[in-house]
Structure formats: structure tokens, C-alpha cells
Amino acid sequence: MGKYLLCFFLVLLSVDSINSYLMPPLFRKFNIEIVNQLGFQKKLKVHCKSGSHDFPITYLNIGENFQFKFTINLKTLYWCDLWQGPNYKHHVVFNAFLPDKDFIDGTCTGMDPNVCRWIAKEEGVYVLNKQFHGEYFMYKWDAPSRNTRVGAPASEYE
């Protein structure tokens, strides 16, 4: 009986190790932060949402930030629309969080300090990235056309 219990415990420990390597850290708190580092005193218009939560549009002055916290689950996806003031014609939409271990560890700063910091600058949007020891350029500003869709599809996400 003790032999079987020991084997069961070792299998359970192995499965847990594999899951922690491949899976995102489920049911843990995570933070998204958007920072305005645009030049020339430009405001940044921010609109972030998920399939189940829609944050109000926020306007950030230089040096201000917008942040929110959530609990990670398998369907957690947040995307954000950013517009560069003063006329808000330059726009970018991007996935601010994906429930994927590669995204958490590769794009963001991982679970320590459990934050994904996006920085809006004149050239585009950067992410603070531990792997590159600083800010990493991710998205260039785009002037939208009439056919530009605002927001990402989230039908399969919460």
C-alpha cells in the first residue's frame, strides 16, 4: 500500500511540475499598466477591455498611468486601444494580456513582479521586458482608415 501511495505522489508531483512549466499560473493575480511617455505634452486616450469587462475610456497626461488587476484563468484576454492626442488620429490596438506562459514570461516581466507594463511613446508602444533588460518596441502608431476595426475579437474569451 505504501509503495502505491509513493508512486501516486511522484506522478502527481511530475504532472504538477509539467503544468507549472507549460501552463499559465492560474488563479493568481496579475496587473496591467499603461504609461503615457508621449512627447510635447500629448494626452493618451486609453480603452481596455475583455470579453466580460469594459473599462471606461481614460485620458492620461504625460507621466500618468492606467492600471488594473485581475485573476488569471484559461480564458483571460485583455486588449487595449490607444490613441495619441491631441487629435487622436494615431491609433494602435494590441493584446495587453494573453493567458499563455510564453506571453507572461516572454512579453511581460513574468509572475515576479506579476505586471505587464505598456509604455506609449512617440514612435509607438513598448513593453517593459525582463528578457531584454528594459523596454522592447512592440507596435507602431497607425492612422486608422474608415475600415479599421477598433478592438480585438473576444468571442471565445471571457
Protein backbone atom coordinates (compact mmCIF):
# COMPACT_ATOMS: atom_id res chain seq x y z
CA MET A 1 0.00 0.00 0.00
CA GLY A 2 2.79 2.43 0.91
CA LYS A 3 4.51 1.68 -2.44
CA TYR A 4 1.39 2.66 -4.39
CA LEU A 5 0.92 5.81 -2.36
CA LEU A 6 4.54 6.80 -3.02
CA CYS A 7 4.12 6.16 -6.80
CA PHE A 8 0.89 8.18 -6.85
CA PHE A 9 2.62 11.07 -5.05
CA LEU A 10 5.55 11.02 -7.53
CA VAL A 11 3.19 11.01 -10.53
CA LEU A 12 1.20 13.88 -9.04
CA LEU A 13 4.40 15.84 -8.41
CA SER A 14 5.56 15.23 -12.02
CA VAL A 15 2.24 16.38 -13.50
CA ASP A 16 2.32 19.50 -11.33
CA SER A 17 5.86 20.31 -12.49
CA ILE A 18 4.89 19.90 -16.16
CA ASN A 19 1.78 22.06 -15.71
CA SER A 20 3.70 24.84 -13.98
CA TYR A 21 6.18 24.86 -16.86
CA LEU A 22 3.61 24.76 -19.69
CA MET A 23 0.52 26.40 -18.23
CA PRO A 24 -0.02 29.97 -17.05
CA PRO A 25 -0.17 30.44 -13.28
CA LEU A 26 -3.93 30.00 -12.96
CA PHE A 27 -5.95 31.83 -10.30
CA ARG A 28 -3.06 34.18 -9.47
CA LYS A 29 -3.36 37.97 -9.51
CA PHE A 30 -1.82 39.91 -12.40
CA ASN A 31 -1.54 43.61 -13.26
CA ILE A 32 -1.65 45.61 -16.47
CA GLU A 33 -0.22 49.10 -16.54
CA ILE A 34 -0.29 51.62 -19.41
CA VAL A 35 2.04 54.62 -19.11
CA ASN A 36 1.97 57.86 -21.12
CA GLN A 37 5.51 58.86 -22.13
CA LEU A 38 4.47 60.73 -25.27
CA GLY A 39 6.31 63.95 -26.07
CA PHE A 40 5.10 67.51 -26.49
CA GLN A 41 2.56 67.30 -23.63
CA LYS A 42 0.29 64.96 -25.64
CA LYS A 43 -2.52 63.16 -23.88
CA LEU A 44 -3.04 59.44 -24.33
CA LYS A 45 -6.56 58.06 -24.76
CA VAL A 46 -6.85 54.51 -23.35
CA HIS A 47 -9.65 51.97 -23.70
CA CYS A 48 -9.01 48.44 -22.39
CA LYS A 49 -11.43 45.56 -22.21
CA SER A 50 -12.00 41.82 -22.15
CA GLY A 51 -14.95 39.74 -23.26
CA SER A 52 -16.58 40.33 -19.86
CA HIS A 53 -15.19 43.66 -18.69
CA ASP A 54 -15.10 47.03 -20.44
CA PHE A 55 -13.11 49.76 -18.68
CA PRO A 56 -14.22 53.35 -19.25
CA ILE A 57 -12.16 55.43 -21.67
CA THR A 58 -9.39 57.20 -19.77
CA TYR A 59 -7.24 60.18 -20.76
CA LEU A 60 -3.68 60.23 -19.41
CA ASN A 61 -1.39 63.25 -19.16
CA ILE A 62 2.37 62.84 -19.54
CA GLY A 63 3.73 60.59 -16.78
CA GLU A 64 0.32 59.30 -15.70
CA ASN A 65 -0.69 55.66 -15.88
CA PHE A 66 -3.78 53.50 -16.11
CA GLN A 67 -3.70 50.18 -14.31
CA PHE A 68 -5.95 47.29 -13.41
CA LYS A 69 -5.68 43.94 -11.67
CA PHE A 70 -7.33 40.63 -12.43
CA THR A 71 -7.13 36.92 -11.70
CA ILE A 72 -5.68 34.71 -14.43
CA ASN A 73 -7.79 31.89 -15.82
CA LEU A 74 -7.60 29.92 -19.08
CA LYS A 75 -9.83 32.38 -20.97
CA THR A 76 -8.40 35.66 -19.66
CA LEU A 77 -7.66 38.03 -22.54
CA TYR A 78 -7.38 41.81 -22.33
CA TRP A 79 -6.79 44.10 -25.27
CA CYS A 80 -6.34 47.85 -25.37
CA ASP A 81 -6.89 50.63 -27.87
CA LEU A 82 -4.57 53.63 -27.53
CA TRP A 83 -4.91 56.97 -29.31
CA GLN A 84 -2.27 59.69 -29.38
CA GLY A 85 -3.55 63.22 -28.71
CA PRO A 86 -4.25 66.00 -29.38
CA ASN A 87 -6.32 64.96 -32.43
CA TYR A 88 -6.36 61.22 -31.52
CA LYS A 89 -5.87 60.11 -35.14
CA HIS A 90 -2.83 57.93 -34.44
CA HIS A 91 -4.08 54.65 -33.03
CA VAL A 92 -2.94 51.17 -32.06
CA VAL A 93 -4.81 48.13 -30.75
CA PHE A 94 -2.98 45.23 -29.12
CA ASN A 95 -3.38 42.28 -26.78
CA ALA A 96 -2.37 43.59 -23.36
CA PHE A 97 -2.61 40.13 -21.77
CA LEU A 98 -2.90 36.56 -23.03
CA PRO A 99 -3.30 33.53 -20.72
CA ASP A 100 -0.13 31.98 -22.09
CA LYS A 101 3.06 31.24 -20.17
CA ASP A 102 5.19 32.40 -23.14
CA PHE A 103 3.34 35.74 -23.18
CA ILE A 104 3.62 36.21 -19.41
CA ASP A 105 7.31 35.30 -19.26
CA GLY A 106 8.43 36.34 -22.75
CA THR A 107 6.49 39.53 -23.45
CA CYS A 108 5.83 40.73 -19.92
CA THR A 109 8.01 40.54 -16.82
CA GLY A 110 6.74 37.16 -15.65
CA MET A 111 4.98 36.46 -12.38
CA ASP A 112 7.61 38.32 -10.40
CA PRO A 113 6.56 41.21 -10.16
CA ASN A 114 3.37 39.98 -11.98
CA VAL A 115 2.89 43.08 -14.13
CA CYS A 116 2.78 43.81 -17.83
CA ARG A 117 3.80 47.46 -18.30
CA TRP A 118 2.99 49.03 -21.68
CA ILE A 119 4.63 52.38 -22.47
CA ALA A 120 3.26 54.78 -25.11
CA LYS A 121 5.98 56.88 -26.77
CA GLU A 122 6.22 58.98 -29.94
CA GLU A 123 7.44 56.03 -32.06
CA GLY A 124 4.86 53.55 -30.78
CA VAL A 125 4.13 51.23 -27.89
CA TYR A 126 6.82 49.46 -25.90
CA VAL A 127 6.60 46.73 -23.27
CA LEU A 128 8.86 46.51 -20.24
CA ASN A 129 10.61 43.21 -20.78
CA LYS A 130 12.86 41.39 -18.34
CA GLN A 131 14.38 39.21 -21.08
CA PHE A 132 15.73 42.29 -22.93
CA HIS A 133 16.56 44.15 -19.68
CA GLY A 134 14.39 47.15 -20.46
CA GLU A 135 11.80 48.44 -22.89
CA TYR A 136 11.12 46.48 -26.07
CA PHE A 137 9.40 48.09 -29.10
CA MET A 138 6.16 46.25 -29.96
CA TYR A 139 3.69 48.33 -32.01
CA LYS A 140 3.90 51.33 -34.31
CA TRP A 141 1.18 54.00 -34.34
CA ASP A 142 -1.25 53.72 -37.22
CA ALA A 143 -3.62 56.31 -38.64
CA PRO A 144 -6.96 54.47 -38.95
CA SER A 145 -8.94 54.28 -42.16
CA ARG A 146 -12.72 54.05 -42.41
CA ASN A 147 -12.48 50.26 -42.49
CA THR A 148 -10.34 49.95 -39.37
CA ARG A 149 -11.97 47.82 -36.71
CA VAL A 150 -11.49 49.01 -33.17
CA GLY A 151 -10.93 46.22 -30.65
CA ALA A 152 -9.99 42.58 -30.99
CA PRO A 153 -12.46 39.72 -31.30
CA ALA A 154 -13.05 38.01 -27.98
CA SER A 155 -15.91 35.62 -28.70
CA GLU A 156 -14.04 32.65 -27.24
CA TYR A 157 -12.70 34.59 -24.26
CA GLU A 158 -14.37 35.98 -21.17
